[in-house]
Protein backbone atom coordinates (compact mmCIF):
# COMPACT_ATOMS: atom_id res chain seq x y z
CA MET A 1 65.98 49.64 -47.93
CA ASN A 2 69.02 47.17 -49.30
CA HIS A 3 70.12 46.51 -53.07
CA PHE A 4 67.96 43.85 -53.55
CA HIS A 5 64.29 45.71 -52.41
CA TYR A 6 65.68 48.92 -54.70
CA ILE A 7 66.11 46.17 -57.57
CA SER A 8 62.46 44.29 -56.39
CA LEU A 9 60.72 48.48 -56.53
CA GLY A 10 62.06 48.33 -60.21
CA ILE A 11 60.63 45.54 -61.07
CA LEU A 12 57.34 46.41 -59.79
CA ALA A 13 57.94 49.44 -61.80
CA LEU A 14 57.77 47.74 -64.39
CA ILE A 15 55.53 45.59 -64.25
CA PHE A 16 52.86 48.43 -63.32
CA LEU A 17 54.68 49.95 -66.81
CA GLY A 18 53.94 46.80 -68.45
CA TRP A 19 49.95 47.21 -67.13
CA ILE A 20 49.59 50.97 -68.15
CA TYR A 21 50.56 49.50 -71.93
CA ARG A 22 48.88 46.40 -71.73
CA ARG A 23 46.87 47.50 -75.00
CA LYS A 24 50.26 48.24 -76.79
CA ARG A 25 51.31 44.96 -77.61
CA ASN A 26 54.87 44.84 -78.92
CA LEU A 27 55.62 47.35 -75.61
CA HIS A 28 53.76 45.09 -73.27
CA ILE A 29 55.47 42.29 -74.24
CA GLY A 30 59.07 43.87 -74.39
CA LEU A 31 57.91 45.61 -70.78
CA MET A 32 56.45 42.18 -68.85
CA ALA A 33 59.58 39.95 -70.29
CA THR A 34 61.87 42.44 -68.93
CA ALA A 35 60.53 42.40 -65.69
CA MET A 36 60.11 38.58 -65.34
CA ALA A 37 64.18 38.16 -66.82
CA ALA A 38 64.73 40.57 -63.89
CA ASP A 39 62.54 38.75 -61.38
CA LEU A 40 64.29 35.77 -62.24
CA GLY A 41 67.48 37.28 -62.02
CA LEU A 42 67.03 38.94 -58.55
CA VAL A 43 65.60 35.58 -57.55
CA LEU A 44 68.96 33.56 -58.61
CA TRP A 45 71.18 36.57 -57.05
CA ILE A 46 69.30 36.24 -53.93
CA GLU A 47 69.66 32.46 -53.95
CA LEU A 48 73.62 32.44 -54.70
CA SER A 49 74.28 35.14 -51.69
CA ARG A 50 71.97 34.35 -49.22
CA HIS A 51 71.50 30.16 -49.80
CA ALA A 52 67.96 30.88 -49.65
CA VAL A 53 66.61 27.61 -51.21
CA GLU A 54 69.00 25.37 -48.15
CA GLN A 55 67.46 28.63 -45.28
CA ALA A 56 63.81 27.88 -46.73
CA LEU A 57 64.97 24.35 -45.84
CA GLY A 58 66.66 24.09 -43.29
CA VAL A 59 69.33 21.87 -44.99
CA GLY A 60 72.64 22.12 -42.87
CA GLU A 61 73.55 24.06 -40.79
CA PHE A 62 70.64 26.08 -41.32
CA GLU A 63 67.58 25.66 -38.82
CA LEU A 64 64.16 25.66 -40.57
CA PRO A 65 62.39 29.38 -40.81
CA GLY A 66 59.55 30.92 -38.54
CA ALA A 67 56.45 31.49 -40.09
CA PHE A 68 56.81 34.71 -41.50
CA LEU A 69 59.84 33.65 -43.57
CA ALA A 70 57.93 30.71 -44.48
CA PHE A 71 54.70 32.63 -45.73
CA HIS A 72 57.35 35.15 -47.36
CA ILE A 73 58.83 32.06 -49.50
CA VAL A 74 55.13 31.20 -50.35
CA LEU A 75 54.69 34.21 -51.51
CA SER A 76 58.00 34.38 -53.34
CA VAL A 77 57.46 30.44 -55.45
CA VAL A 78 52.84 31.21 -56.31
CA SER A 79 55.15 34.78 -57.87
CA LEU A 80 57.09 32.71 -59.56
CA LEU A 81 54.75 29.97 -61.10
CA LEU A 82 52.23 33.24 -61.33
CA TRP A 83 55.37 34.32 -63.60
CA PHE A 84 55.09 30.76 -65.92
CA VAL A 85 51.99 30.99 -66.03
CA GLN A 86 51.71 34.38 -67.41
CA LEU A 87 54.06 33.22 -70.01
CA VAL A 88 52.76 30.82 -71.28
CA LEU A 89 48.97 32.68 -71.42
CA GLY A 90 50.58 35.54 -72.93
CA ILE A 91 52.58 33.99 -75.80
CA LYS A 92 49.33 31.89 -76.37
CA ILE A 93 47.36 35.31 -76.79
CA ALA A 94 50.02 36.34 -78.88
CA ARG A 95 49.56 33.69 -81.37
CA GLY A 96 46.09 34.32 -81.62
CA LYS A 97 44.10 32.46 -79.09
CA ARG A 98 42.64 35.67 -78.29
CA GLN A 99 39.73 33.99 -76.06
CA LEU A 100 41.80 33.26 -73.17
CA LEU A 101 42.36 37.39 -72.25
CA PRO A 102 40.16 36.87 -69.29
CA VAL A 103 42.08 34.06 -68.19
CA HIS A 104 45.00 36.22 -68.45
CA LYS A 105 43.86 38.93 -66.80
CA LEU A 106 42.33 36.85 -63.70
CA CYS A 107 45.69 35.56 -63.85
CA ALA A 108 47.43 39.08 -63.75
CA LEU A 109 45.57 40.28 -60.78
CA PHE A 110 46.74 37.30 -58.59
CA PHE A 111 50.37 37.62 -60.06
CA VAL A 112 50.93 41.77 -59.06
CA LEU A 113 48.73 40.76 -55.64
CA PHE A 114 51.16 37.96 -54.92
CA ARG A 115 53.98 40.49 -55.86
CA LEU A 116 53.08 43.11 -53.94
CA ALA A 117 52.64 40.95 -50.71
CA ASN A 118 56.41 39.23 -51.36
CA PHE A 119 58.05 43.00 -51.88
CA VAL A 120 55.72 44.00 -48.72
CA THR A 121 57.31 41.09 -46.40
CA SER A 122 60.59 41.46 -48.02
CA LEU A 123 61.26 44.89 -46.05
CA TRP A 124 60.81 43.33 -42.89
CA LEU A 125 63.28 40.01 -43.56
């Protein structure tokens, strides 16, 4: 494992803690906001240090990625999109739209599955 993996594992721990404290609203929001900011920072760091987007698109000196890397990229993109879905839903729930809670929970399940799969596939890259 490299430093990116350890940071990603820490982010997963924050997500897990956020889930554990889901009924303590302020703590849940703080943990998840921290995890999201750290995850976005990690993505930015990976992009700046590895030119991940250029590699994914096969731009310049990079060739198109293999199937496994392409799968990892899809997991990464979907995870990021689900972060924003969860953020929007969470804000609406915090503002009183409690009827969105079942959707937030369902999206959380998909987010965790995609984020875990993203971490596991990153271990082989």
